[in-house]
Amino acid sequence: MKKSILLFFVITCISIFGQEKKSTTTEFRVIGQVKKELTISLHDLEKYPAQNIKDLPITNHLGEARYTAKNLKGILLKDLLKDLQINEDSPKKLSEFYFVFTAVDQYKVVFSWNEIFNSSTGDHLYVITEKDGTKIKDMDDRILIVTTSDFKTGRRHIKALSKIEVRRVQ
């Protein structure tokens, strides 16, 4: 009997500590090769008009459906970063820059400057401000970044964005 009770408590403790802790963020920083670092908070995001986004199937790396994100609203990331000044005076050299998006769990995704500001990808790269009727401040996976034009949407689906680092190719 004592062994059964002990086993029960051990299993209970393991399951409690094994629970996945959901991480959220309330702001993200833009750092690196910029003239002035930016911090964009949830409050800052409220100042931008959000666009309706069609339902988005989220797939894994194999293209298999995971779930569908519905009733999305978001802000184009390039609109948030339009006044960002990169440490380069020549527009021709902006093609040498890339952005590393990092989540709190250290998941990283890379976009080139051209992808964001000089291709159709930038027209589909959003900071999600509402999902399934839930505002960003109440979302479990805030700050969420999605690229609606990707074929395998889960590859660049970033939950709990904490920073964007601007780097230059060496």
N, C-alpha and C. Protein backbone atom coordinates (compact mmCIF):
# COMPACT_ATOMS: atom_id res chain seq x y z
N MET A 1 0.82 -1.20 0.00
CA MET A 1 0.00 0.00 0.00
C MET A 1 0.87 1.26 0.00
N LYS A 2 1.91 1.27 0.87
CA LYS A 2 2.79 2.42 0.93
C LYS A 2 3.50 2.64 -0.40
N LYS A 3 3.86 1.55 -1.06
CA LYS A 3 4.54 1.66 -2.36
C LYS A 3 3.60 2.24 -3.40
N SER A 4 2.34 1.87 -3.35
CA SER A 4 1.36 2.41 -4.30
C SER A 4 1.16 3.90 -4.11
N ILE A 5 1.09 4.33 -2.87
CA ILE A 5 0.92 5.75 -2.58
C ILE A 5 2.15 6.52 -3.01
N LEU A 6 3.32 5.98 -2.71
CA LEU A 6 4.57 6.62 -3.11
C LEU A 6 4.66 6.73 -4.64
N LEU A 7 4.32 5.66 -5.32
CA LEU A 7 4.33 5.66 -6.79
C LEU A 7 3.36 6.70 -7.34
N PHE A 8 2.19 6.81 -6.74
CA PHE A 8 1.20 7.80 -7.15
C PHE A 8 1.76 9.21 -7.03
N PHE A 9 2.41 9.53 -5.88
CA PHE A 9 2.98 10.86 -5.68
C PHE A 9 4.13 11.14 -6.64
N VAL A 10 4.95 10.15 -6.91
CA VAL A 10 6.07 10.34 -7.85
C VAL A 10 5.53 10.64 -9.25
N ILE A 11 4.55 9.89 -9.69
CA ILE A 11 3.97 10.10 -11.03
C ILE A 11 3.29 11.46 -11.09
N THR A 12 2.59 11.84 -10.02
CA THR A 12 1.93 13.14 -9.99
C THR A 12 2.95 14.27 -10.06
N CYS A 13 4.02 14.17 -9.30
CA CYS A 13 5.06 15.21 -9.33
C CYS A 13 5.72 15.31 -10.70
N ILE A 14 6.00 14.17 -11.31
CA ILE A 14 6.61 14.17 -12.64
C ILE A 14 5.68 14.84 -13.64
N SER A 15 4.40 14.54 -13.59
CA SER A 15 3.47 15.13 -14.55
C SER A 15 3.30 16.63 -14.33
N ILE A 16 3.37 17.06 -13.07
CA ILE A 16 3.25 18.50 -12.79
C ILE A 16 4.46 19.25 -13.34
N PHE A 17 5.66 18.74 -13.08
CA PHE A 17 6.87 19.41 -13.55
C PHE A 17 7.09 19.23 -15.04
N GLY A 18 6.44 18.25 -15.62
CA GLY A 18 6.59 18.00 -17.05
C GLY A 18 5.64 18.81 -17.91
N GLN A 19 4.77 19.60 -17.28
CA GLN A 19 3.83 20.42 -18.05
C GLN A 19 4.58 21.47 -18.85
N GLU A 20 4.13 21.69 -20.06
CA GLU A 20 4.75 22.70 -20.91
C GLU A 20 4.35 24.07 -20.39
N LYS A 21 5.33 24.90 -20.17
CA LYS A 21 5.07 26.25 -19.70
C LYS A 21 4.90 27.16 -20.91
N LYS A 22 3.76 27.82 -21.00
CA LYS A 22 3.52 28.71 -22.12
C LYS A 22 4.21 30.04 -21.86
N SER A 23 5.00 30.45 -22.84
CA SER A 23 5.69 31.72 -22.75
C SER A 23 5.00 32.73 -23.64
N THR A 24 4.85 33.91 -23.12
CA THR A 24 4.29 35.00 -23.91
C THR A 24 5.22 36.20 -23.78
N THR A 25 5.03 37.15 -24.66
CA THR A 25 5.81 38.37 -24.59
C THR A 25 4.87 39.57 -24.67
N THR A 26 5.33 40.67 -24.14
CA THR A 26 4.53 41.90 -24.19
C THR A 26 5.20 42.97 -25.04
N GLU A 27 6.41 42.64 -25.54
CA GLU A 27 7.13 43.56 -26.41
C GLU A 27 8.23 42.78 -27.12
N PHE A 28 8.74 43.38 -28.19
CA PHE A 28 9.94 42.83 -28.82
C PHE A 28 10.86 43.98 -29.17
N ARG A 29 12.14 43.67 -29.23
CA ARG A 29 13.15 44.68 -29.51
C ARG A 29 13.72 44.45 -30.90
N VAL A 30 14.09 45.52 -31.57
CA VAL A 30 14.79 45.46 -32.84
C VAL A 30 16.18 46.00 -32.56
N ILE A 31 17.18 45.12 -32.69
CA ILE A 31 18.54 45.47 -32.28
C ILE A 31 19.52 45.12 -33.40
N GLY A 32 20.78 45.38 -33.17
CA GLY A 32 21.82 44.99 -34.13
C GLY A 32 22.30 46.16 -34.95
N GLN A 33 22.40 45.94 -36.26
CA GLN A 33 22.96 46.92 -37.19
C GLN A 33 21.93 48.02 -37.52
N VAL A 34 21.48 48.70 -36.48
CA VAL A 34 20.51 49.79 -36.65
C VAL A 34 21.06 51.04 -35.98
N LYS A 35 20.65 52.19 -36.49
CA LYS A 35 21.12 53.45 -35.92
C LYS A 35 20.50 53.70 -34.54
N LYS A 36 19.27 53.25 -34.37
CA LYS A 36 18.59 53.39 -33.09
C LYS A 36 17.76 52.15 -32.85
N GLU A 37 17.99 51.48 -31.73
CA GLU A 37 17.21 50.28 -31.39
C GLU A 37 15.76 50.67 -31.11
N LEU A 38 14.87 49.75 -31.43
CA LEU A 38 13.44 49.97 -31.21
C LEU A 38 12.91 48.96 -30.20
N THR A 39 11.94 49.36 -29.44
CA THR A 39 11.16 48.44 -28.62
C THR A 39 9.71 48.66 -29.01
N ILE A 40 9.06 47.59 -29.42
CA ILE A 40 7.66 47.68 -29.84
C ILE A 40 6.84 46.87 -28.85
N SER A 41 5.95 47.56 -28.14
CA SER A 41 5.13 46.93 -27.10
C SER A 41 3.72 46.66 -27.61
N LEU A 42 2.96 45.93 -26.82
CA LEU A 42 1.55 45.71 -27.17
C LEU A 42 0.82 47.02 -27.29
N HIS A 43 1.15 47.97 -26.42
CA HIS A 43 0.53 49.31 -26.49
C HIS A 43 0.84 49.99 -27.82
N ASP A 44 2.09 49.86 -28.29
CA ASP A 44 2.48 50.45 -29.57
C ASP A 44 1.69 49.83 -30.72
N LEU A 45 1.47 48.53 -30.64
CA LEU A 45 0.75 47.83 -31.71
C LEU A 45 -0.70 48.31 -31.84
N GLU A 46 -1.28 48.75 -30.74
CA GLU A 46 -2.66 49.24 -30.76
C GLU A 46 -2.82 50.50 -31.61
N LYS A 47 -1.73 51.20 -31.87
CA LYS A 47 -1.78 52.45 -32.63
C LYS A 47 -1.90 52.22 -34.14
N TYR A 48 -1.64 51.00 -34.58
CA TYR A 48 -1.66 50.70 -36.01
C TYR A 48 -2.98 50.03 -36.39
N PRO A 49 -3.50 50.37 -37.57
CA PRO A 49 -4.73 49.71 -38.01
C PRO A 49 -4.44 48.25 -38.38
N ALA A 50 -5.25 47.36 -37.88
CA ALA A 50 -5.09 45.93 -38.18
C ALA A 50 -5.92 45.56 -39.41
N GLN A 51 -5.38 44.65 -40.19
CA GLN A 51 -6.07 44.15 -41.39
C GLN A 51 -6.67 42.78 -41.08
N ASN A 52 -7.81 42.50 -41.70
CA ASN A 52 -8.37 41.16 -41.61
C ASN A 52 -7.52 40.22 -42.46
N ILE A 53 -7.27 39.05 -41.95
CA ILE A 53 -6.47 38.04 -42.64
C ILE A 53 -7.32 36.79 -42.78
N LYS A 54 -7.31 36.20 -43.96
CA LYS A 54 -8.12 35.00 -44.16
C LYS A 54 -7.61 33.87 -43.26
N ASP A 55 -8.47 32.89 -43.00
CA ASP A 55 -8.08 31.75 -42.18
C ASP A 55 -6.81 31.13 -42.74
N LEU A 56 -5.91 30.74 -41.85
CA LEU A 56 -4.59 30.29 -42.25
C LEU A 56 -4.32 28.87 -41.75
N PRO A 57 -4.22 27.91 -42.66
CA PRO A 57 -3.85 26.56 -42.22
C PRO A 57 -2.38 26.57 -41.78
N ILE A 58 -2.14 26.09 -40.58
CA ILE A 58 -0.77 25.98 -40.06
C ILE A 58 -0.32 24.54 -40.30
N THR A 59 0.80 24.40 -41.01
CA THR A 59 1.32 23.07 -41.35
C THR A 59 2.68 22.88 -40.71
N ASN A 60 3.09 21.62 -40.62
CA ASN A 60 4.43 21.34 -40.10
C ASN A 60 5.44 21.37 -41.24
N HIS A 61 6.66 20.97 -40.95
CA HIS A 61 7.73 21.01 -41.95
C HIS A 61 7.49 20.08 -43.13
N LEU A 62 6.61 19.11 -42.96
CA LEU A 62 6.28 18.19 -44.05
C LEU A 62 5.06 18.66 -44.86
N GLY A 63 4.46 19.75 -44.42
CA GLY A 63 3.28 20.25 -45.09
C GLY A 63 1.99 19.63 -44.58
N GLU A 64 2.07 18.87 -43.49
CA GLU A 64 0.89 18.23 -42.91
C GLU A 64 0.15 19.23 -42.02
N ALA A 65 -1.16 19.25 -42.15
CA ALA A 65 -1.98 20.21 -41.40
C ALA A 65 -1.87 19.98 -39.90
N ARG A 66 -1.66 21.05 -39.15
CA ARG A 66 -1.63 21.00 -37.69
C ARG A 66 -2.95 21.54 -37.14
N TYR A 67 -3.33 22.73 -37.59
CA TYR A 67 -4.60 23.34 -37.22
C TYR A 67 -4.81 24.53 -38.15
N THR A 68 -5.94 25.19 -38.03
CA THR A 68 -6.22 26.37 -38.83
C THR A 68 -6.42 27.56 -37.89
N ALA A 69 -5.63 28.60 -38.11
CA ALA A 69 -5.78 29.85 -37.35
C ALA A 69 -6.91 30.63 -38.01
N LYS A 70 -7.93 30.96 -37.23
CA LYS A 70 -9.13 31.59 -37.78
C LYS A 70 -9.34 32.98 -37.21
N ASN A 71 -10.10 33.76 -37.99
CA ASN A 71 -10.48 35.11 -37.57
C ASN A 71 -9.26 35.93 -37.14
N LEU A 72 -8.28 35.99 -38.02
CA LEU A 72 -7.04 36.69 -37.73
C LEU A 72 -7.11 38.16 -38.13
N LYS A 73 -6.44 38.97 -37.36
CA LYS A 73 -6.19 40.37 -37.70
C LYS A 73 -4.72 40.61 -37.42
N GLY A 74 -4.12 41.45 -38.25
CA GLY A 74 -2.70 41.69 -38.03
C GLY A 74 -2.21 42.97 -38.68
N ILE A 75 -0.99 43.29 -38.34
CA ILE A 75 -0.30 44.48 -38.86
C ILE A 75 0.88 43.98 -39.68
N LEU A 76 1.03 44.54 -40.87
CA LEU A 76 2.19 44.17 -41.68
C LEU A 76 3.46 44.58 -40.93
N LEU A 77 4.39 43.66 -40.84
CA LEU A 77 5.63 43.94 -40.14
C LEU A 77 6.39 45.08 -40.81
N LYS A 78 6.35 45.14 -42.13
CA LYS A 78 7.09 46.20 -42.81
C LYS A 78 6.52 47.58 -42.47
N ASP A 79 5.24 47.65 -42.12
CA ASP A 79 4.68 48.93 -41.66
C ASP A 79 5.25 49.32 -40.29
N LEU A 80 5.48 48.33 -39.44
CA LEU A 80 6.07 48.61 -38.12
C LEU A 80 7.53 49.03 -38.24
N LEU A 81 8.22 48.48 -39.25
CA LEU A 81 9.66 48.73 -39.39
C LEU A 81 10.00 49.78 -40.45
N LYS A 82 9.01 50.45 -41.00
CA LYS A 82 9.27 51.37 -42.12
C LYS A 82 10.21 52.51 -41.76
N ASP A 83 10.24 52.93 -40.51
CA ASP A 83 11.13 54.02 -40.11
C ASP A 83 12.45 53.52 -39.52
N LEU A 84 12.65 52.22 -39.54
CA LEU A 84 13.90 51.65 -39.02
C LEU A 84 15.07 52.11 -39.87
N GLN A 85 16.10 52.62 -39.24
CA GLN A 85 17.28 53.08 -39.95
C GLN A 85 18.42 52.08 -39.73
N ILE A 86 18.81 51.47 -40.83
CA ILE A 86 19.89 50.48 -40.79
C ILE A 86 21.22 51.22 -40.91
N ASN A 87 22.25 50.65 -40.32
CA ASN A 87 23.60 51.25 -40.34
C ASN A 87 24.22 51.14 -41.73
N GLU A 88 23.63 51.78 -42.68
CA GLU A 88 24.16 51.80 -44.05
C GLU A 88 23.53 52.97 -44.79
N ASP A 89 24.33 53.80 -45.39
CA ASP A 89 23.82 54.96 -46.10
C ASP A 89 23.50 54.67 -47.56
N SER A 90 24.11 53.65 -48.13
CA SER A 90 23.89 53.32 -49.54
C SER A 90 22.72 52.34 -49.69
N PRO A 91 21.65 52.75 -50.38
CA PRO A 91 20.52 51.85 -50.59
C PRO A 91 20.91 50.56 -51.33
N LYS A 92 21.95 50.64 -52.16
CA LYS A 92 22.41 49.46 -52.90
C LYS A 92 22.89 48.36 -51.96
N LYS A 93 23.37 48.73 -50.80
CA LYS A 93 23.95 47.75 -49.88
C LYS A 93 22.94 47.16 -48.89
N LEU A 94 21.69 47.62 -48.95
CA LEU A 94 20.67 47.06 -48.06
C LEU A 94 20.44 45.58 -48.33
N SER A 95 20.77 45.12 -49.52
CA SER A 95 20.63 43.70 -49.86
C SER A 95 21.57 42.82 -49.05
N GLU A 96 22.52 43.40 -48.35
CA GLU A 96 23.46 42.65 -47.53
C GLU A 96 22.93 42.37 -46.12
N PHE A 97 21.73 42.88 -45.82
CA PHE A 97 21.20 42.76 -44.46
C PHE A 97 20.12 41.69 -44.37
N TYR A 98 20.05 41.09 -43.19
CA TYR A 98 19.01 40.11 -42.90
C TYR A 98 18.55 40.28 -41.46
N PHE A 99 17.39 39.72 -41.16
CA PHE A 99 16.75 39.88 -39.87
C PHE A 99 16.59 38.50 -39.23
N VAL A 100 17.06 38.36 -38.00
CA VAL A 100 16.91 37.11 -37.26
C VAL A 100 15.82 37.34 -36.21
N PHE A 101 14.70 36.66 -36.38
CA PHE A 101 13.58 36.74 -35.45
C PHE A 101 13.80 35.65 -34.40
N THR A 102 13.77 36.02 -33.13
CA THR A 102 14.02 35.06 -32.07
C THR A 102 12.86 35.07 -31.08
N ALA A 103 12.34 33.89 -30.79
CA ALA A 103 11.28 33.72 -29.80
C ALA A 103 11.91 33.49 -28.43
N VAL A 104 11.11 33.54 -27.38
CA VAL A 104 11.64 33.36 -26.04
C VAL A 104 12.23 31.96 -25.84
N ASP A 105 11.75 30.98 -26.59
CA ASP A 105 12.30 29.62 -26.48
C ASP A 105 13.53 29.41 -27.37
N GLN A 106 14.03 30.50 -27.95
CA GLN A 106 15.21 30.53 -28.81
C GLN A 106 14.97 29.98 -30.22
N TYR A 107 13.72 29.74 -30.60
CA TYR A 107 13.41 29.37 -31.98
C TYR A 107 13.74 30.59 -32.84
N LYS A 108 14.43 30.34 -33.95
CA LYS A 108 14.88 31.45 -34.80
C LYS A 108 14.40 31.26 -36.23
N VAL A 109 14.08 32.38 -36.86
CA VAL A 109 13.68 32.42 -38.26
C VAL A 109 14.39 33.61 -38.90
N VAL A 110 14.81 33.43 -40.15
CA VAL A 110 15.57 34.47 -40.85
C VAL A 110 14.79 34.97 -42.06
N PHE A 111 14.77 36.29 -42.22
CA PHE A 111 14.23 36.94 -43.40
C PHE A 111 15.29 37.91 -43.91
N SER A 112 15.45 37.99 -45.21
CA SER A 112 16.37 38.99 -45.75
C SER A 112 15.66 40.34 -45.81
N TRP A 113 16.46 41.40 -45.93
CA TRP A 113 15.89 42.73 -46.09
C TRP A 113 14.99 42.75 -47.33
N ASN A 114 15.45 42.13 -48.41
CA ASN A 114 14.67 42.10 -49.65
C ASN A 114 13.35 41.35 -49.50
N GLU A 115 13.33 40.28 -48.72
CA GLU A 115 12.07 39.56 -48.51
C GLU A 115 11.03 40.45 -47.86
N ILE A 116 11.45 41.22 -46.89
CA ILE A 116 10.50 42.06 -46.14
C ILE A 116 10.10 43.31 -46.92
N PHE A 117 11.09 43.98 -47.53
CA PHE A 117 10.82 45.29 -48.11
C PHE A 117 10.80 45.33 -49.64
N ASN A 118 11.15 44.22 -50.30
CA ASN A 118 11.28 44.27 -51.75
C ASN A 118 10.71 43.02 -52.43
N SER A 119 9.75 42.36 -51.80
CA SER A 119 9.12 41.20 -52.43
C SER A 119 7.70 41.04 -51.89
N SER A 120 6.97 40.15 -52.48
CA SER A 120 5.59 39.93 -52.03
C SER A 120 5.54 39.29 -50.64
N THR A 121 6.62 38.67 -50.20
CA THR A 121 6.64 38.11 -48.84
C THR A 121 6.34 39.18 -47.82
N GLY A 122 6.91 40.35 -47.99
CA GLY A 122 6.67 41.46 -47.06
C GLY A 122 5.22 41.90 -47.00
N ASP A 123 4.46 41.60 -48.07
CA ASP A 123 3.04 41.93 -48.09
C ASP A 123 2.19 40.86 -47.38
N HIS A 124 2.84 39.83 -46.86
CA HIS A 124 2.14 38.72 -46.20
C HIS A 124 2.77 38.36 -44.85
N LEU A 125 3.62 39.23 -44.33
CA LEU A 125 4.32 38.99 -43.06
C LEU A 125 3.68 39.87 -41.99
N TYR A 126 2.98 39.23 -41.06
CA TYR A 126 2.14 39.94 -40.11
C TYR A 126 2.53 39.70 -38.65
N VAL A 127 2.30 40.72 -37.85
CA VAL A 127 2.23 40.58 -36.40
C VAL A 127 0.74 40.43 -36.11
N ILE A 128 0.35 39.31 -35.54
CA ILE A 128 -1.06 39.03 -35.30
C ILE A 128 -1.54 39.78 -34.07
N THR A 129 -2.62 40.54 -34.23
CA THR A 129 -3.17 41.33 -33.14
C THR A 129 -4.48 40.76 -32.60
N GLU A 130 -5.05 39.82 -33.34
CA GLU A 130 -6.28 39.17 -32.89
C GLU A 130 -6.39 37.81 -33.55
N LYS A 131 -6.81 36.82 -32.78
CA LYS A 131 -6.95 35.45 -33.29
C LYS A 131 -8.18 34.84 -32.63
N ASP A 132 -9.09 34.32 -33.44
CA ASP A 132 -10.33 33.71 -32.94
C ASP A 132 -11.09 34.62 -31.98
N GLY A 133 -11.08 35.93 -32.27
CA GLY A 133 -11.80 36.88 -31.44
C GLY A 133 -11.05 37.28 -30.17
N THR A 134 -9.87 36.74 -29.97
CA THR A 134 -9.07 37.06 -28.79
C THR A 134 -8.06 38.14 -29.14
N LYS A 135 -8.08 39.22 -28.39
CA LYS A 135 -7.14 40.33 -28.62
C LYS A 135 -5.73 39.89 -28.21
N ILE A 136 -4.74 40.58 -28.76
CA ILE A 136 -3.34 40.21 -28.55
C ILE A 136 -2.96 40.13 -27.07
N LYS A 137 -3.47 41.04 -26.26
CA LYS A 137 -3.08 41.04 -24.84
C LYS A 137 -3.55 39.80 -24.10
N ASP A 138 -4.54 39.10 -24.65
CA ASP A 138 -5.09 37.90 -24.01
C ASP A 138 -4.68 36.61 -24.72
N MET A 139 -3.90 36.71 -25.78
CA MET A 139 -3.49 35.52 -26.54
C MET A 139 -2.39 34.76 -25.81
N ASP A 140 -2.48 33.43 -25.83
CA ASP A 140 -1.47 32.58 -25.20
C ASP A 140 -0.15 32.60 -25.95
N ASP A 141 -0.19 32.87 -27.25
CA ASP A 141 1.04 32.79 -28.06
C ASP A 141 1.49 34.16 -28.56
N ARG A 142 1.20 35.21 -27.79
CA ARG A 142 1.64 36.53 -28.21
C ARG A 142 3.13 36.68 -28.00
N ILE A 143 3.83 37.39 -28.64
CA ILE A 143 3.62 38.12 -29.88
C ILE A 143 3.85 37.13 -31.02
N LEU A 144 2.87 36.99 -31.89
CA LEU A 144 2.84 35.97 -32.92
C LEU A 144 3.11 36.58 -34.28
N ILE A 145 4.02 35.94 -35.04
CA ILE A 145 4.36 36.37 -36.39
C ILE A 145 3.99 35.24 -37.35
N VAL A 146 3.29 35.57 -38.43
CA VAL A 146 2.97 34.57 -39.46
C VAL A 146 3.27 35.14 -40.84
N THR A 147 3.59 34.24 -41.74
CA THR A 147 3.77 34.59 -43.15
C THR A 147 2.70 33.84 -43.92
N THR A 148 1.68 34.54 -44.34
CA THR A 148 0.52 33.88 -44.93
C THR A 148 0.77 33.32 -46.32
N SER A 149 1.85 33.71 -46.96
CA SER A 149 2.14 33.23 -48.31
C SER A 149 3.04 32.00 -48.33
N ASP A 150 3.52 31.55 -47.19
CA ASP A 150 4.39 30.37 -47.15
C ASP A 150 3.60 29.11 -47.49
N PHE A 151 4.27 28.16 -48.14
CA PHE A 151 3.65 26.88 -48.45
C PHE A 151 3.55 26.01 -47.20
N LYS A 152 4.60 26.01 -46.40
CA LYS A 152 4.63 25.29 -45.13
C LYS A 152 4.67 26.34 -44.02
N THR A 153 3.49 26.73 -43.59
CA THR A 153 3.35 27.91 -42.73
C THR A 153 3.98 27.75 -41.36
N GLY A 154 4.13 26.55 -40.88
CA GLY A 154 4.70 26.34 -39.55
C GLY A 154 6.19 26.63 -39.48
N ARG A 155 6.87 26.64 -40.60
CA ARG A 155 8.31 26.86 -40.61
C ARG A 155 8.69 28.26 -40.13
N ARG A 156 7.87 29.26 -40.48
CA ARG A 156 8.17 30.64 -40.08
C ARG A 156 7.05 31.20 -39.21
N HIS A 157 6.41 30.35 -38.46
CA HIS A 157 5.34 30.69 -37.53
C HIS A 157 6.02 30.89 -36.17
N ILE A 158 6.14 32.14 -35.74
CA ILE A 158 6.94 32.46 -34.57
C ILE A 158 6.01 32.88 -33.43
N LYS A 159 6.03 32.11 -32.36
CA LYS A 159 5.25 32.43 -31.17
C LYS A 159 6.17 33.07 -30.14
N ALA A 160 5.65 34.05 -29.42
CA ALA A 160 6.38 34.71 -28.34
C ALA A 160 7.68 35.35 -28.84
N LEU A 161 7.53 36.17 -29.87
CA LEU A 161 8.68 36.91 -30.41
C LEU A 161 9.27 37.80 -29.33
N SER A 162 10.59 37.73 -29.15
CA SER A 162 11.24 38.58 -28.15
C SER A 162 12.18 39.61 -28.77
N LYS A 163 12.76 39.26 -29.94
CA LYS A 163 13.65 40.25 -30.57
C LYS A 163 13.81 39.96 -32.05
N ILE A 164 14.18 41.01 -32.74
CA ILE A 164 14.57 40.93 -34.16
C ILE A 164 15.96 41.55 -34.22
N GLU A 165 16.92 40.77 -34.64
CA GLU A 165 18.28 41.28 -34.75
C GLU A 165 18.62 41.51 -36.22
N VAL A 166 19.04 42.73 -36.52
CA VAL A 166 19.43 43.09 -37.87
C VAL A 166 20.93 42.80 -38.00
N ARG A 167 21.28 41.96 -38.97
CA ARG A 167 22.67 41.58 -39.18
C ARG A 167 23.06 41.84 -40.63
N ARG A 168 24.36 41.86 -40.84
CA ARG A 168 24.89 42.08 -42.19
C ARG A 168 25.72 40.87 -42.58
N VAL A 169 25.55 40.44 -43.82
CA VAL A 169 26.33 39.33 -44.33
C VAL A 169 27.80 39.72 -44.34
N GLN A 170 28.65 38.84 -43.88
CA GLN A 170 30.10 39.11 -43.85
C GLN A 170 30.78 38.55 -45.08
